[in-house]
Amino acid sequence: MILNVTREKSDIHGWGLFADVFICNNTMIEKCTYISINEVEYNPKIMDRYSFINPKGRGVIYPIGYACLLNSAFPANCRVDTDDNFLIITAIKDIEA
């Protein structure tokens, strides 16, 4: 699942996803599977731009899907949650197209 987005070069880093439509607060933006890497195995030089800190433990997770292209706005406009199977990204404020 992902909303209408465009993949473009990002000023933050590498590639990014940009909203094509207005996204309301509390809208799920992406729900995808992920690979979890524990802190011992983690090497920040490998895919650092496309990972998330694991919100439920140590190490990082690599999303399988467009989530790896989501850049972090400052201040953040989304939150990242996980369950046993999925990485879930939800808007925490309205996001303009």
N, C-alpha and C. Protein backbone atom coordinates (compact mmCIF):
# COMPACT_ATOMS: atom_id res chain seq x y z
N MET A 1 0.85 -1.18 0.00
CA MET A 1 0.00 0.00 0.00
C MET A 1 0.89 1.23 0.00
N ILE A 2 0.62 2.12 -0.87
CA ILE A 2 1.24 3.44 -0.81
C ILE A 2 0.33 4.40 -1.57
N LEU A 3 0.29 5.61 -1.10
CA LEU A 3 -0.56 6.62 -1.72
C LEU A 3 0.07 7.12 -3.00
N ASN A 4 -0.61 8.02 -3.69
CA ASN A 4 -0.08 8.60 -4.92
C ASN A 4 1.17 9.41 -4.62
N VAL A 5 2.29 8.94 -5.14
CA VAL A 5 3.58 9.59 -4.92
C VAL A 5 4.39 9.59 -6.21
N THR A 6 5.37 10.46 -6.24
CA THR A 6 6.31 10.52 -7.35
C THR A 6 7.70 10.30 -6.79
N ARG A 7 8.49 9.46 -7.46
CA ARG A 7 9.88 9.22 -7.07
C ARG A 7 10.74 10.25 -7.79
N GLU A 8 11.50 11.03 -7.01
CA GLU A 8 12.35 12.08 -7.58
C GLU A 8 13.64 12.18 -6.78
N LYS A 9 14.64 12.85 -7.36
CA LYS A 9 15.85 13.16 -6.62
C LYS A 9 15.47 14.02 -5.42
N SER A 10 16.12 13.77 -4.29
CA SER A 10 15.80 14.47 -3.05
C SER A 10 16.95 15.36 -2.61
N ASP A 11 16.62 16.55 -2.08
CA ASP A 11 17.63 17.42 -1.51
C ASP A 11 18.14 16.87 -0.18
N ILE A 12 17.37 15.98 0.45
CA ILE A 12 17.78 15.40 1.74
C ILE A 12 18.86 14.35 1.51
N HIS A 13 18.60 13.38 0.63
CA HIS A 13 19.60 12.42 0.21
C HIS A 13 19.04 11.51 -0.87
N GLY A 14 19.87 11.17 -1.81
CA GLY A 14 19.52 10.19 -2.84
C GLY A 14 18.17 10.45 -3.50
N TRP A 15 17.37 9.41 -3.53
CA TRP A 15 16.03 9.46 -4.08
C TRP A 15 15.02 9.61 -2.96
N GLY A 16 13.86 10.17 -3.29
CA GLY A 16 12.81 10.32 -2.29
C GLY A 16 11.45 10.19 -2.94
N LEU A 17 10.43 10.07 -2.12
CA LEU A 17 9.04 10.02 -2.58
C LEU A 17 8.37 11.33 -2.20
N PHE A 18 7.60 11.87 -3.10
CA PHE A 18 6.92 13.14 -2.90
C PHE A 18 5.42 12.94 -3.13
N ALA A 19 4.62 13.46 -2.23
CA ALA A 19 3.17 13.30 -2.31
C ALA A 19 2.61 14.01 -3.53
N ASP A 20 1.79 13.30 -4.30
CA ASP A 20 1.09 13.89 -5.44
C ASP A 20 -0.25 14.48 -5.04
N VAL A 21 -0.74 14.06 -3.89
CA VAL A 21 -2.04 14.52 -3.38
C VAL A 21 -1.89 14.91 -1.92
N PHE A 22 -2.82 15.69 -1.42
CA PHE A 22 -2.85 16.06 -0.01
C PHE A 22 -3.05 14.79 0.83
N ILE A 23 -2.26 14.62 1.89
CA ILE A 23 -2.37 13.47 2.79
C ILE A 23 -2.80 13.98 4.16
N CYS A 24 -3.93 13.49 4.65
CA CYS A 24 -4.47 13.92 5.94
C CYS A 24 -3.71 13.28 7.09
N ASN A 25 -3.63 14.01 8.21
CA ASN A 25 -3.08 13.49 9.45
C ASN A 25 -3.69 12.13 9.76
N ASN A 26 -2.90 11.23 10.27
CA ASN A 26 -3.30 9.89 10.71
C ASN A 26 -3.64 8.95 9.54
N THR A 27 -3.21 9.28 8.33
CA THR A 27 -3.40 8.40 7.17
C THR A 27 -2.23 7.44 7.07
N MET A 28 -2.51 6.15 6.88
CA MET A 28 -1.44 5.18 6.66
C MET A 28 -0.87 5.44 5.27
N ILE A 29 0.42 5.64 5.20
CA ILE A 29 1.08 5.94 3.94
C ILE A 29 1.65 4.68 3.32
N GLU A 30 2.21 3.81 4.11
CA GLU A 30 2.82 2.59 3.60
C GLU A 30 2.72 1.49 4.65
N LYS A 31 2.48 0.28 4.21
CA LYS A 31 2.52 -0.92 5.05
C LYS A 31 3.23 -1.97 4.22
N CYS A 32 4.42 -2.36 4.67
CA CYS A 32 5.21 -3.30 3.88
C CYS A 32 5.98 -4.25 4.80
N THR A 33 6.44 -5.34 4.23
CA THR A 33 7.29 -6.25 4.98
C THR A 33 8.66 -5.60 5.14
N TYR A 34 9.48 -6.18 6.01
CA TYR A 34 10.80 -5.62 6.26
C TYR A 34 11.77 -6.71 6.69
N ILE A 35 13.05 -6.38 6.59
CA ILE A 35 14.12 -7.24 7.07
C ILE A 35 14.71 -6.55 8.29
N SER A 36 14.87 -7.28 9.39
CA SER A 36 15.43 -6.71 10.61
C SER A 36 16.89 -7.16 10.74
N ILE A 37 17.76 -6.21 11.01
CA ILE A 37 19.18 -6.48 11.21
C ILE A 37 19.54 -6.05 12.62
N ASN A 38 20.12 -6.94 13.42
CA ASN A 38 20.43 -6.54 14.79
C ASN A 38 21.66 -5.64 14.84
N GLU A 39 21.87 -5.01 15.96
CA GLU A 39 22.92 -4.00 16.12
C GLU A 39 24.31 -4.55 15.83
N VAL A 40 24.56 -5.81 16.15
CA VAL A 40 25.87 -6.40 15.94
C VAL A 40 26.17 -6.52 14.45
N GLU A 41 25.15 -6.86 13.65
CA GLU A 41 25.34 -7.03 12.21
C GLU A 41 25.32 -5.72 11.44
N TYR A 42 24.82 -4.66 12.04
CA TYR A 42 24.59 -3.41 11.34
C TYR A 42 25.88 -2.70 10.96
N ASN A 43 26.00 -2.34 9.71
CA ASN A 43 27.12 -1.56 9.22
C ASN A 43 26.54 -0.31 8.57
N PRO A 44 26.75 0.88 9.16
CA PRO A 44 26.10 2.10 8.66
C PRO A 44 26.49 2.49 7.24
N LYS A 45 27.56 1.91 6.70
CA LYS A 45 27.96 2.24 5.34
C LYS A 45 27.09 1.51 4.30
N ILE A 46 26.37 0.49 4.73
CA ILE A 46 25.56 -0.30 3.81
C ILE A 46 24.11 0.15 3.91
N MET A 47 23.58 0.70 2.85
CA MET A 47 22.17 1.07 2.75
C MET A 47 21.68 1.99 3.87
N ASP A 48 22.58 2.78 4.44
CA ASP A 48 22.21 3.65 5.56
C ASP A 48 21.08 4.61 5.19
N ARG A 49 21.07 5.06 3.95
CA ARG A 49 20.05 6.02 3.52
C ARG A 49 18.66 5.40 3.45
N TYR A 50 18.57 4.10 3.40
CA TYR A 50 17.30 3.45 3.13
C TYR A 50 16.81 2.57 4.27
N SER A 51 17.25 2.88 5.47
CA SER A 51 16.87 2.08 6.63
C SER A 51 16.18 2.95 7.68
N PHE A 52 15.56 2.28 8.64
CA PHE A 52 14.91 2.93 9.78
C PHE A 52 15.47 2.33 11.05
N ILE A 53 15.61 3.14 12.09
CA ILE A 53 15.94 2.60 13.40
C ILE A 53 14.75 1.74 13.83
N ASN A 54 15.03 0.56 14.34
CA ASN A 54 13.96 -0.35 14.75
C ASN A 54 13.25 0.23 15.99
N PRO A 55 11.97 0.62 15.87
CA PRO A 55 11.28 1.24 17.00
C PRO A 55 10.97 0.27 18.13
N LYS A 56 11.16 -1.04 17.90
CA LYS A 56 10.84 -2.02 18.93
C LYS A 56 12.07 -2.74 19.46
N GLY A 57 13.24 -2.22 19.18
CA GLY A 57 14.43 -2.89 19.68
C GLY A 57 15.68 -2.29 19.08
N ARG A 58 16.78 -3.00 19.24
CA ARG A 58 18.06 -2.52 18.75
C ARG A 58 18.21 -2.79 17.27
N GLY A 59 19.11 -2.06 16.64
CA GLY A 59 19.42 -2.28 15.25
C GLY A 59 18.52 -1.50 14.31
N VAL A 60 18.49 -1.93 13.08
CA VAL A 60 17.74 -1.23 12.04
C VAL A 60 16.87 -2.21 11.27
N ILE A 61 15.94 -1.65 10.50
CA ILE A 61 15.12 -2.47 9.62
C ILE A 61 15.20 -1.88 8.20
N TYR A 62 15.16 -2.76 7.23
CA TYR A 62 15.16 -2.38 5.83
C TYR A 62 13.80 -2.74 5.24
N PRO A 63 13.01 -1.73 4.85
CA PRO A 63 11.70 -2.02 4.30
C PRO A 63 11.81 -2.63 2.90
N ILE A 64 10.87 -3.50 2.59
CA ILE A 64 10.75 -4.07 1.25
C ILE A 64 9.57 -3.35 0.61
N GLY A 65 9.84 -2.37 -0.19
CA GLY A 65 8.79 -1.55 -0.79
C GLY A 65 9.25 -0.12 -0.91
N TYR A 66 8.34 0.78 -1.23
CA TYR A 66 8.68 2.19 -1.41
C TYR A 66 9.11 2.87 -0.12
N ALA A 67 8.83 2.30 1.03
CA ALA A 67 9.18 2.94 2.29
C ALA A 67 10.66 3.27 2.38
N CYS A 68 11.51 2.50 1.72
CA CYS A 68 12.95 2.78 1.79
C CYS A 68 13.30 4.09 1.11
N LEU A 69 12.39 4.65 0.31
CA LEU A 69 12.65 5.92 -0.37
C LEU A 69 12.07 7.12 0.37
N LEU A 70 11.37 6.88 1.47
CA LEU A 70 10.80 7.99 2.24
C LEU A 70 11.91 8.69 3.00
N ASN A 71 12.06 9.98 2.77
CA ASN A 71 13.05 10.77 3.48
C ASN A 71 12.41 11.37 4.72
N SER A 72 13.22 11.72 5.66
CA SER A 72 12.72 12.29 6.90
C SER A 72 12.62 13.80 6.81
N ALA A 73 11.41 14.31 6.94
CA ALA A 73 11.23 15.75 7.01
C ALA A 73 11.64 16.21 8.40
N PHE A 74 11.96 17.48 8.52
CA PHE A 74 12.26 18.03 9.84
C PHE A 74 11.44 19.28 10.05
N PRO A 75 10.57 19.29 11.02
CA PRO A 75 10.28 18.18 11.93
C PRO A 75 9.54 17.06 11.20
N ALA A 76 9.59 15.88 11.77
CA ALA A 76 9.00 14.69 11.14
C ALA A 76 7.52 14.89 10.84
N ASN A 77 7.07 14.31 9.72
CA ASN A 77 5.65 14.36 9.38
C ASN A 77 5.00 12.98 9.41
N CYS A 78 5.78 11.96 9.79
CA CYS A 78 5.27 10.58 9.87
C CYS A 78 5.86 9.88 11.09
N ARG A 79 5.20 8.81 11.50
CA ARG A 79 5.77 7.94 12.54
C ARG A 79 5.95 6.55 11.93
N VAL A 80 6.90 5.83 12.48
CA VAL A 80 7.21 4.48 12.02
C VAL A 80 6.89 3.51 13.14
N ASP A 81 6.07 2.52 12.83
CA ASP A 81 5.74 1.45 13.77
C ASP A 81 6.00 0.12 13.10
N THR A 82 6.18 -0.92 13.90
CA THR A 82 6.29 -2.27 13.36
C THR A 82 5.44 -3.21 14.18
N ASP A 83 5.05 -4.30 13.53
CA ASP A 83 4.51 -5.43 14.26
C ASP A 83 5.37 -6.62 13.83
N ASP A 84 4.94 -7.84 14.07
CA ASP A 84 5.77 -8.99 13.74
C ASP A 84 6.00 -9.16 12.25
N ASN A 85 5.16 -8.57 11.42
CA ASN A 85 5.25 -8.79 9.99
C ASN A 85 5.43 -7.55 9.13
N PHE A 86 5.05 -6.39 9.64
CA PHE A 86 4.99 -5.22 8.78
C PHE A 86 5.62 -3.98 9.41
N LEU A 87 6.16 -3.12 8.54
CA LEU A 87 6.56 -1.77 8.86
C LEU A 87 5.38 -0.89 8.45
N ILE A 88 4.93 -0.02 9.33
CA ILE A 88 3.76 0.81 9.07
C ILE A 88 4.16 2.27 9.24
N ILE A 89 3.96 3.05 8.18
CA ILE A 89 4.29 4.48 8.22
C ILE A 89 2.98 5.25 8.15
N THR A 90 2.77 6.13 9.13
CA THR A 90 1.51 6.88 9.25
C THR A 90 1.83 8.37 9.39
N ALA A 91 1.04 9.19 8.69
CA ALA A 91 1.21 10.64 8.79
C ALA A 91 0.84 11.10 10.19
N ILE A 92 1.65 11.99 10.78
CA ILE A 92 1.34 12.55 12.09
C ILE A 92 0.92 14.01 11.97
N LYS A 93 0.83 14.49 10.74
CA LYS A 93 0.28 15.82 10.47
C LYS A 93 -0.12 15.84 9.00
N ASP A 94 -0.87 16.83 8.61
CA ASP A 94 -1.26 16.96 7.21
C ASP A 94 0.01 17.18 6.36
N ILE A 95 0.03 16.56 5.18
CA ILE A 95 1.17 16.68 4.27
C ILE A 95 0.64 17.23 2.95
N GLU A 96 1.19 18.36 2.54
CA GLU A 96 0.77 18.98 1.28
C GLU A 96 1.35 18.20 0.09
N ALA A 97 0.65 18.28 -1.04
CA ALA A 97 1.15 17.65 -2.26
C ALA A 97 2.44 18.32 -2.69
